């Protein structure tokens, strides 16, 4: 009986993963537009599966920031207004500046090597998809957050930025813009390595954010 249950759980998990991939493709291709409601019953009917794997897939997408849950209304494809982006980035400026400082103070040869390796991977990126570029972008930031040594700061930044990175992915910047954004991480590593004064932490992060979002996406405090 245990084996049968394990197999059933595995199959359900695999099914929800496949459904999640289908939904991600639909979102990134524009078939499901920002703000679109994701109805479990309708998706269940369209995909000829029960609602359980649909619900699991939607929960996975919510964790990734591609889907948001609105109480008493349901699940929706992430959609951010200019004001939403500005508010998130205002908090990011404060929290990521602190993470940058803590990473610098906690820097070890191992942490520096991981950051350097990720940056070199980004430098080598040629013709890549928006999804790959955003994943590399986020991976670099998460290395800094993790190295800060404050699990609460790390968790807050992951939760705060999930919809922002997801929305950036949906917007699909042009290829040259994505490459420019990846290149913009060099000053972050330079700061962490002590090549830029500590007092300039917020200025470094501000310059980094405005490259993607512009000054309208972040009012400097």
C-alpha atoms as a PDB file:
ATOM      1  CA  UNK A   1       0.000   0.000   0.000  1.00  0.00           C
ATOM      2  CA  UNK A   2       2.853   2.403   0.837  1.00  0.00           C
ATOM      3  CA  UNK A   3       4.488   1.787  -2.500  1.00  0.00           C
ATOM      4  CA  UNK A   4       1.241   2.471  -4.343  1.00  0.00           C
ATOM      5  CA  UNK A   5       0.762   5.699  -2.404  1.00  0.00           C
ATOM      6  CA  UNK A   6       4.333   6.799  -3.160  1.00  0.00           C
ATOM      7  CA  UNK A   7       3.870   6.092  -6.848  1.00  0.00           C
ATOM      8  CA  UNK A   8       0.581   8.016  -6.888  1.00  0.00           C
ATOM      9  CA  UNK A   9       2.232  10.983  -5.155  1.00  0.00           C
ATOM     10  CA  UNK A  10       5.098  10.908  -7.622  1.00  0.00           C
ATOM     11  CA  UNK A  11       2.767  10.825 -10.607  1.00  0.00           C
ATOM     12  CA  UNK A  12       0.720  13.713  -9.226  1.00  0.00           C
ATOM     13  CA  UNK A  13       3.882  15.722  -8.625  1.00  0.00           C
ATOM     14  CA  UNK A  14       5.146  15.042 -12.137  1.00  0.00           C
ATOM     15  CA  UNK A  15       1.766  16.007 -13.538  1.00  0.00           C
ATOM     16  CA  UNK A  16       1.688  19.308 -11.630  1.00  0.00           C
ATOM     17  CA  UNK A  17       5.227  20.071 -12.830  1.00  0.00           C
ATOM     18  CA  UNK A  18       4.164  19.482 -16.429  1.00  0.00           C
ATOM     19  CA  UNK A  19       1.105  21.681 -15.965  1.00  0.00           C
ATOM     20  CA  UNK A  20       3.290  24.332 -14.384  1.00  0.00           C
ATOM     21  CA  UNK A  21       5.551  24.290 -17.450  1.00  0.00           C
ATOM     22  CA  UNK A  22       2.529  24.623 -19.742  1.00  0.00           C
ATOM     23  CA  UNK A  23       1.256  27.599 -17.757  1.00  0.00           C
ATOM     24  CA  UNK A  24       4.694  29.267 -17.710  1.00  0.00           C
ATOM     25  CA  UNK A  25       4.907  28.866 -21.491  1.00  0.00           C
ATOM     26  CA  UNK A  26       1.415  30.344 -21.871  1.00  0.00           C
ATOM     27  CA  UNK A  27       2.330  33.329 -19.693  1.00  0.00           C
ATOM     28  CA  UNK A  28       5.644  34.013 -21.410  1.00  0.00           C
ATOM     29  CA  UNK A  29       4.136  33.603 -24.882  1.00  0.00           C
ATOM     30  CA  UNK A  30       1.389  36.089 -24.084  1.00  0.00           C
ATOM     31  CA  UNK A  31      -1.464  33.565 -24.312  1.00  0.00           C
ATOM     32  CA  UNK A  32      -2.114  34.365 -20.662  1.00  0.00           C
ATOM     33  CA  UNK A  33      -1.678  38.102 -20.264  1.00  0.00           C
ATOM     34  CA  UNK A  34      -0.663  40.036 -17.100  1.00  0.00           C
ATOM     35  CA  UNK A  35      -3.676  40.302 -14.819  1.00  0.00           C
ATOM     36  CA  UNK A  36      -5.513  37.345 -16.389  1.00  0.00           C
ATOM     37  CA  UNK A  37      -7.538  35.255 -13.918  1.00  0.00           C
ATOM     38  CA  UNK A  38      -6.528  31.603 -13.654  1.00  0.00           C
ATOM     39  CA  UNK A  39      -9.662  29.590 -12.919  1.00  0.00           C
ATOM     40  CA  UNK A  40      -8.962  26.094 -11.585  1.00  0.00           C
ATOM     41  CA  UNK A  41     -12.163  24.588 -12.997  1.00  0.00           C
ATOM     42  CA  UNK A  42     -11.600  26.073 -16.451  1.00  0.00           C
ATOM     43  CA  UNK A  43      -7.955  24.983 -16.550  1.00  0.00           C
ATOM     44  CA  UNK A  44      -8.967  21.530 -15.344  1.00  0.00           C
ATOM     45  CA  UNK A  45     -11.461  21.257 -18.190  1.00  0.00           C
ATOM     46  CA  UNK A  46      -9.040  22.540 -20.828  1.00  0.00           C
ATOM     47  CA  UNK A  47      -6.221  20.217 -19.752  1.00  0.00           C
ATOM     48  CA  UNK A  48      -8.459  17.212 -18.973  1.00  0.00           C
ATOM     49  CA  UNK A  49      -7.043  16.705 -15.473  1.00  0.00           C
ATOM     50  CA  UNK A  50      -8.413  16.985 -11.955  1.00  0.00           C
ATOM     51  CA  UNK A  51      -8.193  20.231 -10.028  1.00  0.00           C
ATOM     52  CA  UNK A  52      -5.567  18.896  -7.577  1.00  0.00           C
ATOM     53  CA  UNK A  53      -2.540  19.091  -9.945  1.00  0.00           C
ATOM     54  CA  UNK A  54      -3.845  22.423 -11.267  1.00  0.00           C
ATOM     55  CA  UNK A  55      -3.902  23.807  -7.739  1.00  0.00           C
ATOM     56  CA  UNK A  56      -0.406  22.460  -7.032  1.00  0.00           C
ATOM     57  CA  UNK A  57       0.953  23.973 -10.262  1.00  0.00           C
ATOM     58  CA  UNK A  58      -0.595  27.349  -9.450  1.00  0.00           C
ATOM     59  CA  UNK A  59       0.953  27.250  -5.974  1.00  0.00           C
ATOM     60  CA  UNK A  60       4.355  26.597  -7.557  1.00  0.00           C
ATOM     61  CA  UNK A  61       3.901  29.547  -9.911  1.00  0.00           C
ATOM     62  CA  UNK A  62       2.858  31.724  -6.975  1.00  0.00           C
ATOM     63  CA  UNK A  63       6.144  30.875  -5.229  1.00  0.00           C
ATOM     64  CA  UNK A  64       7.991  31.880  -8.413  1.00  0.00           C
ATOM     65  CA  UNK A  65       6.171  35.208  -8.526  1.00  0.00           C
ATOM     66  CA  UNK A  66       4.419  34.551 -11.843  1.00  0.00           C
ATOM     67  CA  UNK A  67       1.039  34.164 -10.179  1.00  0.00           C
ATOM     68  CA  UNK A  68      -0.522  36.139  -7.326  1.00  0.00           C
ATOM     69  CA  UNK A  69      -3.374  35.140  -5.044  1.00  0.00           C
ATOM     70  CA  UNK A  70      -6.026  37.738  -4.324  1.00  0.00           C
ATOM     71  CA  UNK A  71      -8.254  36.879  -1.337  1.00  0.00           C
ATOM     72  CA  UNK A  72     -11.843  35.979  -2.288  1.00  0.00           C
ATOM     73  CA  UNK A  73     -11.000  36.523  -5.972  1.00  0.00           C
ATOM     74  CA  UNK A  74      -8.572  33.749  -6.916  1.00  0.00           C
ATOM     75  CA  UNK A  75      -5.278  33.402  -8.778  1.00  0.00           C
ATOM     76  CA  UNK A  76      -4.062  35.894 -11.391  1.00  0.00           C
ATOM     77  CA  UNK A  77      -1.055  36.279 -13.669  1.00  0.00           C
ATOM     78  CA  UNK A  78       1.260  38.814 -12.028  1.00  0.00           C
ATOM     79  CA  UNK A  79       0.726  42.389 -13.162  1.00  0.00           C
ATOM     80  CA  UNK A  80       2.531  45.361 -11.658  1.00  0.00           C
ATOM     81  CA  UNK A  81       1.746  49.036 -12.141  1.00  0.00           C
ATOM     82  CA  UNK A  82       4.474  51.667 -12.317  1.00  0.00           C
ATOM     83  CA  UNK A  83       3.587  52.585  -8.730  1.00  0.00           C
ATOM     84  CA  UNK A  84       3.922  48.938  -7.627  1.00  0.00           C
ATOM     85  CA  UNK A  85       7.372  48.711  -9.228  1.00  0.00           C
ATOM     86  CA  UNK A  86       8.451  51.948  -7.584  1.00  0.00           C
ATOM     87  CA  UNK A  87       7.290  50.814  -4.149  1.00  0.00           C
ATOM     88  CA  UNK A  88       9.052  47.445  -4.432  1.00  0.00           C
ATOM     89  CA  UNK A  89      12.265  49.048  -5.635  1.00  0.00           C
ATOM     90  CA  UNK A  90      12.193  51.613  -2.834  1.00  0.00           C
ATOM     91  CA  UNK A  91      12.257  48.739  -0.346  1.00  0.00           C
ATOM     92  CA  UNK A  92      14.837  46.855  -2.410  1.00  0.00           C
ATOM     93  CA  UNK A  93      17.146  49.856  -2.298  1.00  0.00           C
ATOM     94  CA  UNK A  94      17.163  49.800   1.500  1.00  0.00           C
ATOM     95  CA  UNK A  95      17.304  46.024   1.965  1.00  0.00           C
ATOM     96  CA  UNK A  96      19.735  45.184  -0.840  1.00  0.00           C
ATOM     97  CA  UNK A  97      22.105  47.963   0.195  1.00  0.00           C
ATOM     98  CA  UNK A  98      22.217  46.366   3.636  1.00  0.00           C
ATOM     99  CA  UNK A  99      22.689  42.895   2.106  1.00  0.00           C
ATOM    100  CA  UNK A 100      25.537  44.266  -0.001  1.00  0.00           C
ATOM    101  CA  UNK A 101      27.263  45.694   3.093  1.00  0.00           C
ATOM    102  CA  UNK A 102      26.812  42.474   5.075  1.00  0.00           C
ATOM    103  CA  UNK A 103      28.089  40.371   2.184  1.00  0.00           C
ATOM    104  CA  UNK A 104      31.183  42.568   2.017  1.00  0.00           C
ATOM    105  CA  UNK A 105      31.824  42.181   5.744  1.00  0.00           C
ATOM    106  CA  UNK A 106      31.251  38.407   5.618  1.00  0.00           C
ATOM    107  CA  UNK A 107      33.244  37.876   2.434  1.00  0.00           C
ATOM    108  CA  UNK A 108      35.340  34.706   2.312  1.00  0.00           C
ATOM    109  CA  UNK A 109      37.393  33.288  -0.561  1.00  0.00           C
ATOM    110  CA  UNK A 110      34.615  30.735  -1.152  1.00  0.00           C
ATOM    111  CA  UNK A 111      31.867  33.375  -1.361  1.00  0.00           C
ATOM    112  CA  UNK A 112      34.008  35.567  -3.619  1.00  0.00           C
ATOM    113  CA  UNK A 113      34.666  32.584  -5.899  1.00  0.00           C
ATOM    114  CA  UNK A 114      30.943  31.811  -6.203  1.00  0.00           C
ATOM    115  CA  UNK A 115      30.147  35.415  -7.071  1.00  0.00           C
ATOM    116  CA  UNK A 116      33.030  35.610  -9.529  1.00  0.00           C
ATOM    117  CA  UNK A 117      31.995  32.340 -11.205  1.00  0.00           C
ATOM    118  CA  UNK A 118      28.399  33.548 -11.574  1.00  0.00           C
ATOM    119  CA  UNK A 119      29.555  36.875 -12.998  1.00  0.00           C
ATOM    120  CA  UNK A 120      31.818  35.119 -15.505  1.00  0.00           C
ATOM    121  CA  UNK A 121      28.900  32.920 -16.531  1.00  0.00           C
ATOM    122  CA  UNK A 122      26.848  36.066 -17.150  1.00  0.00           C
ATOM    123  CA  UNK A 123      29.723  37.626 -19.108  1.00  0.00           C
ATOM    124  CA  UNK A 124      29.892  34.583 -21.376  1.00  0.00           C
ATOM    125  CA  UNK A 125      26.166  34.636 -22.069  1.00  0.00           C
ATOM    126  CA  UNK A 126      25.589  35.167 -25.754  1.00  0.00           C
ATOM    127  CA  UNK A 127      22.222  34.755 -27.405  1.00  0.00           C
ATOM    128  CA  UNK A 128      20.083  33.600 -24.507  1.00  0.00           C
ATOM    129  CA  UNK A 129      16.396  33.724 -23.723  1.00  0.00           C
ATOM    130  CA  UNK A 130      14.868  36.296 -21.403  1.00  0.00           C
ATOM    131  CA  UNK A 131      14.149  33.442 -18.984  1.00  0.00           C
ATOM    132  CA  UNK A 132      17.819  32.398 -18.838  1.00  0.00           C
ATOM    133  CA  UNK A 133      18.957  36.008 -18.421  1.00  0.00           C
ATOM    134  CA  UNK A 134      16.526  36.690 -15.570  1.00  0.00           C
ATOM    135  CA  UNK A 135      17.521  33.436 -13.853  1.00  0.00           C
ATOM    136  CA  UNK A 136      21.217  34.368 -13.979  1.00  0.00           C
ATOM    137  CA  UNK A 137      20.401  37.880 -12.773  1.00  0.00           C
ATOM    138  CA  UNK A 138      18.419  36.565  -9.805  1.00  0.00           C
ATOM    139  CA  UNK A 139      21.023  33.889  -9.004  1.00  0.00           C
ATOM    140  CA  UNK A 140      23.720  36.550  -8.590  1.00  0.00           C
ATOM    141  CA  UNK A 141      21.552  38.617  -6.253  1.00  0.00           C
ATOM    142  CA  UNK A 142      20.598  35.562  -4.212  1.00  0.00           C
ATOM    143  CA  UNK A 143      24.266  34.707  -3.682  1.00  0.00           C
ATOM    144  CA  UNK A 144      24.704  38.155  -2.123  1.00  0.00           C
ATOM    145  CA  UNK A 145      21.582  37.823   0.018  1.00  0.00           C
ATOM    146  CA  UNK A 146      22.642  34.402   1.257  1.00  0.00           C
ATOM    147  CA  UNK A 147      26.168  35.600   2.022  1.00  0.00           C
ATOM    148  CA  UNK A 148      24.740  38.451   4.117  1.00  0.00           C
ATOM    149  CA  UNK A 149      24.233  35.889   6.876  1.00  0.00           C
ATOM    150  CA  UNK A 150      20.754  37.085   7.849  1.00  0.00           C
ATOM    151  CA  UNK A 151      18.137  34.487   6.970  1.00  0.00           C
ATOM    152  CA  UNK A 152      15.291  36.916   7.652  1.00  0.00           C
ATOM    153  CA  UNK A 153      16.737  39.480   5.251  1.00  0.00           C
ATOM    154  CA  UNK A 154      17.277  36.743   2.666  1.00  0.00           C
ATOM    155  CA  UNK A 155      13.711  35.440   3.004  1.00  0.00           C
ATOM    156  CA  UNK A 156      12.223  38.946   2.832  1.00  0.00           C
ATOM    157  CA  UNK A 157      14.140  39.805  -0.338  1.00  0.00           C
ATOM    158  CA  UNK A 158      13.177  36.523  -2.028  1.00  0.00           C
ATOM    159  CA  UNK A 159       9.497  37.169  -1.298  1.00  0.00           C
ATOM    160  CA  UNK A 160       9.657  40.867  -2.189  1.00  0.00           C
ATOM    161  CA  UNK A 161      11.441  40.452  -5.508  1.00  0.00           C
ATOM    162  CA  UNK A 162       9.672  37.332  -6.835  1.00  0.00           C
ATOM    163  CA  UNK A 163       6.866  39.261  -8.595  1.00  0.00           C
ATOM    164  CA  UNK A 164       9.308  41.923  -9.805  1.00  0.00           C
ATOM    165  CA  UNK A 165      11.684  39.483 -11.506  1.00  0.00           C
ATOM    166  CA  UNK A 166       8.716  37.545 -12.874  1.00  0.00           C
ATOM    167  CA  UNK A 167       7.175  40.705 -14.323  1.00  0.00           C
ATOM    168  CA  UNK A 168      10.528  41.665 -15.837  1.00  0.00           C
ATOM    169  CA  UNK A 169      10.511  38.268 -17.522  1.00  0.00           C
ATOM    170  CA  UNK A 170       7.008  38.757 -18.886  1.00  0.00           C
ATOM    171  CA  UNK A 171       7.966  42.172 -20.265  1.00  0.00           C
ATOM    172  CA  UNK A 172      10.761  40.492 -22.279  1.00  0.00           C
ATOM    173  CA  UNK A 173      13.431  43.135 -22.705  1.00  0.00           C
ATOM    174  CA  UNK A 174      15.258  43.176 -26.035  1.00  0.00           C
ATOM    175  CA  UNK A 175      18.386  41.041 -26.346  1.00  0.00           C
ATOM    176  CA  UNK A 176      20.831  43.962 -26.094  1.00  0.00           C
ATOM    177  CA  UNK A 177      18.985  45.275 -23.043  1.00  0.00           C
ATOM    178  CA  UNK A 178      19.218  41.897 -21.294  1.00  0.00           C
ATOM    179  CA  UNK A 179      22.964  41.747 -21.990  1.00  0.00           C
ATOM    180  CA  UNK A 180      23.418  45.273 -20.659  1.00  0.00           C
ATOM    181  CA  UNK A 181      21.515  44.333 -17.494  1.00  0.00           C
ATOM    182  CA  UNK A 182      23.702  41.267 -16.948  1.00  0.00           C
ATOM    183  CA  UNK A 183      26.829  43.389 -17.431  1.00  0.00           C
ATOM    184  CA  UNK A 184      25.601  45.828 -14.776  1.00  0.00           C
ATOM    185  CA  UNK A 185      26.513  43.431 -11.949  1.00  0.00           C
ATOM    186  CA  UNK A 186      30.248  44.200 -12.127  1.00  0.00           C
ATOM    187  CA  UNK A 187      30.004  47.200  -9.728  1.00  0.00           C
ATOM    188  CA  UNK A 188      28.199  44.999  -7.181  1.00  0.00           C
ATOM    189  CA  UNK A 189      31.103  42.552  -7.094  1.00  0.00           C
ATOM    190  CA  UNK A 190      33.586  45.430  -7.017  1.00  0.00           C
ATOM    191  CA  UNK A 191      31.809  46.823  -3.945  1.00  0.00           C
ATOM    192  CA  UNK A 192      31.734  43.457  -2.179  1.00  0.00           C
ATOM    193  CA  UNK A 193      35.489  43.077  -2.825  1.00  0.00           C
ATOM    194  CA  UNK A 194      36.156  46.455  -1.175  1.00  0.00           C
ATOM    195  CA  UNK A 195      37.027  48.402  -4.316  1.00  0.00           C
ATOM    196  CA  UNK A 196      34.256  50.961  -3.671  1.00  0.00           C
ATOM    197  CA  UNK A 197      33.816  52.853  -0.354  1.00  0.00           C
ATOM    198  CA  UNK A 198      31.201  51.431   2.052  1.00  0.00           C
ATOM    199  CA  UNK A 199      29.361  54.759   2.134  1.00  0.00           C
ATOM    200  CA  UNK A 200      28.473  54.274  -1.539  1.00  0.00           C
ATOM    201  CA  UNK A 201      26.457  51.050  -1.040  1.00  0.00           C
ATOM    202  CA  UNK A 202      23.129  52.742  -1.730  1.00  0.00           C
ATOM    203  CA  UNK A 203      24.511  54.606  -4.760  1.00  0.00           C
ATOM    204  CA  UNK A 204      25.790  51.344  -6.256  1.00  0.00           C
ATOM    205  CA  UNK A 205      22.399  49.673  -5.838  1.00  0.00           C
ATOM    206  CA  UNK A 206      20.531  52.732  -7.112  1.00  0.00           C
ATOM    207  CA  UNK A 207      22.599  52.802 -10.315  1.00  0.00           C
ATOM    208  CA  UNK A 208      22.007  49.073 -10.769  1.00  0.00           C
ATOM    209  CA  UNK A 209      18.232  49.291 -10.340  1.00  0.00           C
ATOM    210  CA  UNK A 210      17.738  52.305 -12.587  1.00  0.00           C
ATOM    211  CA  UNK A 211      19.505  50.578 -15.482  1.00  0.00           C
ATOM    212  CA  UNK A 212      16.582  48.167 -15.790  1.00  0.00           C
ATOM    213  CA  UNK A 213      13.687  50.234 -14.514  1.00  0.00           C
ATOM    214  CA  UNK A 214      14.802  53.803 -15.198  1.00  0.00           C
ATOM    215  CA  UNK A 215      14.519  56.632 -12.683  1.00  0.00           C
ATOM    216  CA  UNK A 216      10.739  56.515 -12.949  1.00  0.00           C
ATOM    217  CA  UNK A 217      10.892  53.011 -11.472  1.00  0.00           C
ATOM    218  CA  UNK A 218      12.761  54.153  -8.400  1.00  0.00           C
ATOM    219  CA  UNK A 219      12.700  57.522  -6.718  1.00  0.00           C
ATOM    220  CA  UNK A 220      15.913  57.969  -4.775  1.00  0.00           C
ATOM    221  CA  UNK A 221      15.349  58.629  -1.093  1.00  0.00           C
END
